[in-house]
Amino acid sequence: MTKIHPPYKREVGERLALLALAKDYGHDVAYAGPLFREHKIEGRSIRVFFDYAEGMTTHGTALSSFELAGSDGEWHKASAVIDGDTVVVTSDVVTEPMHVRYAWYNESTAELWNGAGLPASSFRSDEW
């Protein structure tokens, strides 16, 4: 059976409270983790730009949930590194990358966070 309720309800409630404080009550609080804004192809890699990315970190874990696709549309595991408020993604398999995605599977775990301690949302650039 698939669980439909989040196991960490407190964290979900805290994130919803931050959103309400910022959007409904006008408080100046961080309410979102890094959100995909755009990507730029830089040779054999893609640089990903985010909103709400100040102080991005992995908390010491490797970024293993990024994938790249070329013109064939086939997705391949990729390596990624934080570069300031961006992430640079590369793959030995994809020599001419066109699209990038992050944490695209149900079993993905959060690896990318902003300085406020909020996780990045999953995304894929080919659906924007």
Protein backbone atom coordinates (compact mmCIF):
# COMPACT_ATOMS: atom_id res chain seq x y z
CA MET A 1 0.00 0.00 0.00
CA THR A 2 1.23 3.48 -0.81
CA LYS A 3 1.27 6.02 2.00
CA ILE A 4 -0.53 9.24 1.13
CA HIS A 5 0.28 11.16 4.30
CA PRO A 6 3.69 12.73 4.86
CA PRO A 7 5.54 11.03 7.73
CA TYR A 8 7.04 14.31 8.92
CA LYS A 9 3.91 16.35 9.53
CA ARG A 10 5.62 18.91 11.77
CA GLU A 11 8.04 19.96 8.99
CA VAL A 12 5.18 20.23 6.50
CA GLY A 13 3.19 22.35 8.94
CA GLU A 14 6.17 24.62 9.61
CA ARG A 15 6.69 25.21 5.88
CA LEU A 16 3.01 26.00 5.41
CA ALA A 17 3.17 28.41 8.35
CA LEU A 18 6.14 30.21 6.77
CA LEU A 19 4.22 30.54 3.51
CA ALA A 20 1.18 31.95 5.31
CA LEU A 21 3.31 34.39 7.35
CA ALA A 22 4.99 35.70 4.19
CA LYS A 23 2.10 35.74 1.73
CA ASP A 24 -0.94 36.38 3.90
CA TYR A 25 0.43 38.32 6.86
CA GLY A 26 3.22 40.28 5.18
CA HIS A 27 6.08 39.07 7.39
CA ASP A 28 9.57 39.23 5.94
CA VAL A 29 10.47 35.54 6.34
CA ALA A 30 11.99 32.98 4.01
CA TYR A 31 9.17 30.73 2.84
CA ALA A 32 10.55 28.72 -0.10
CA GLY A 33 13.55 26.61 -0.88
CA PRO A 34 15.46 27.05 -4.14
CA LEU A 35 12.98 27.17 -7.05
CA PHE A 36 14.06 26.55 -10.63
CA ARG A 37 14.10 29.78 -12.68
CA GLU A 38 16.05 28.93 -15.82
CA HIS A 39 18.95 26.98 -17.23
CA LYS A 40 21.75 27.92 -19.60
CA ILE A 41 23.79 25.52 -21.67
CA GLU A 42 27.51 26.04 -21.18
CA GLY A 43 29.27 23.64 -23.55
CA ARG A 44 29.01 20.14 -22.07
CA SER A 45 27.27 21.34 -18.91
CA ILE A 46 24.13 23.16 -17.85
CA ARG A 47 24.03 25.93 -15.27
CA VAL A 48 20.80 26.04 -13.29
CA PHE A 49 19.54 29.33 -11.85
CA PHE A 50 17.17 29.44 -8.89
CA ASP A 51 15.02 31.89 -7.00
CA TYR A 52 15.36 31.76 -3.17
CA ALA A 53 18.84 30.25 -3.50
CA GLU A 54 20.80 32.40 -1.06
CA GLY A 55 23.28 30.28 0.88
CA MET A 56 22.65 27.05 -1.05
CA THR A 57 24.11 23.97 0.57
CA THR A 58 23.98 20.19 0.49
CA HIS A 59 24.68 19.84 4.22
CA GLY A 60 27.65 17.68 3.28
CA THR A 61 25.88 15.21 0.99
CA ALA A 62 26.60 14.67 -2.71
CA LEU A 63 24.17 15.99 -5.29
CA SER A 64 23.06 12.72 -6.87
CA SER A 65 19.51 13.54 -7.98
CA PHE A 66 20.34 15.59 -11.08
CA GLU A 67 19.94 14.21 -14.60
CA LEU A 68 20.65 15.57 -18.08
CA ALA A 69 19.07 14.87 -21.46
CA GLY A 70 20.28 15.71 -24.95
CA SER A 71 18.26 16.10 -28.14
CA ASP A 72 17.31 12.39 -28.01
CA GLY A 73 15.28 13.02 -24.83
CA GLU A 74 17.01 10.21 -22.92
CA TRP A 75 17.75 11.09 -19.28
CA HIS A 76 21.10 10.15 -17.72
CA LYS A 77 22.51 10.49 -14.20
CA ALA A 78 24.66 13.57 -13.85
CA SER A 79 27.08 15.09 -11.40
CA ALA A 80 26.37 18.52 -9.99
CA VAL A 81 28.19 21.12 -7.93
CA ILE A 82 26.99 24.30 -6.28
CA ASP A 83 28.58 27.44 -7.72
CA GLY A 84 27.36 30.40 -5.68
CA ASP A 85 23.58 30.61 -6.13
CA THR A 86 23.64 28.28 -9.16
CA VAL A 87 24.28 24.59 -9.77
CA VAL A 88 26.47 23.32 -12.62
CA VAL A 89 25.41 19.91 -13.94
CA THR A 90 27.49 17.63 -16.21
CA SER A 91 27.38 14.07 -17.50
CA ASP A 92 30.01 12.00 -19.30
CA VAL A 93 27.18 10.37 -21.27
CA VAL A 94 25.44 13.56 -22.47
CA THR A 95 27.90 15.54 -24.57
CA GLU A 96 25.38 18.11 -25.84
CA PRO A 97 22.92 18.66 -22.98
CA MET A 98 19.61 20.39 -23.61
CA HIS A 99 17.56 19.74 -20.47
CA VAL A 100 18.09 19.16 -16.76
CA ARG A 101 15.92 17.74 -14.01
CA TYR A 102 16.26 17.30 -10.26
CA ALA A 103 14.69 14.88 -7.77
CA TRP A 104 12.23 13.62 -10.35
CA TYR A 105 11.34 10.32 -8.68
CA ASN A 106 9.04 9.61 -5.74
CA GLU A 107 11.92 8.06 -3.80
CA SER A 108 14.17 11.13 -4.24
CA THR A 109 15.44 12.75 -1.07
CA ALA A 110 16.21 16.40 -0.56
CA GLU A 111 19.88 17.15 -1.20
CA LEU A 112 19.80 20.83 -2.07
CA TRP A 113 18.83 23.47 0.50
CA ASN A 114 18.98 27.24 0.83
CA GLY A 115 20.51 29.08 3.75
CA ALA A 116 17.12 29.28 5.48
CA GLY A 117 17.06 25.47 5.71
CA LEU A 118 14.35 24.97 3.09
CA PRO A 119 14.71 22.23 0.44
CA ALA A 120 14.72 22.76 -3.32
CA SER A 121 11.66 21.63 -5.24
CA SER A 122 11.93 18.99 -7.92
CA PHE A 123 11.81 20.29 -11.49
CA ARG A 124 12.50 19.50 -15.12
CA SER A 125 13.51 22.18 -17.59
CA ASP A 126 11.80 20.66 -20.61
CA GLU A 127 8.34 21.37 -19.18
CA TRP A 128 8.75 25.15 -18.75
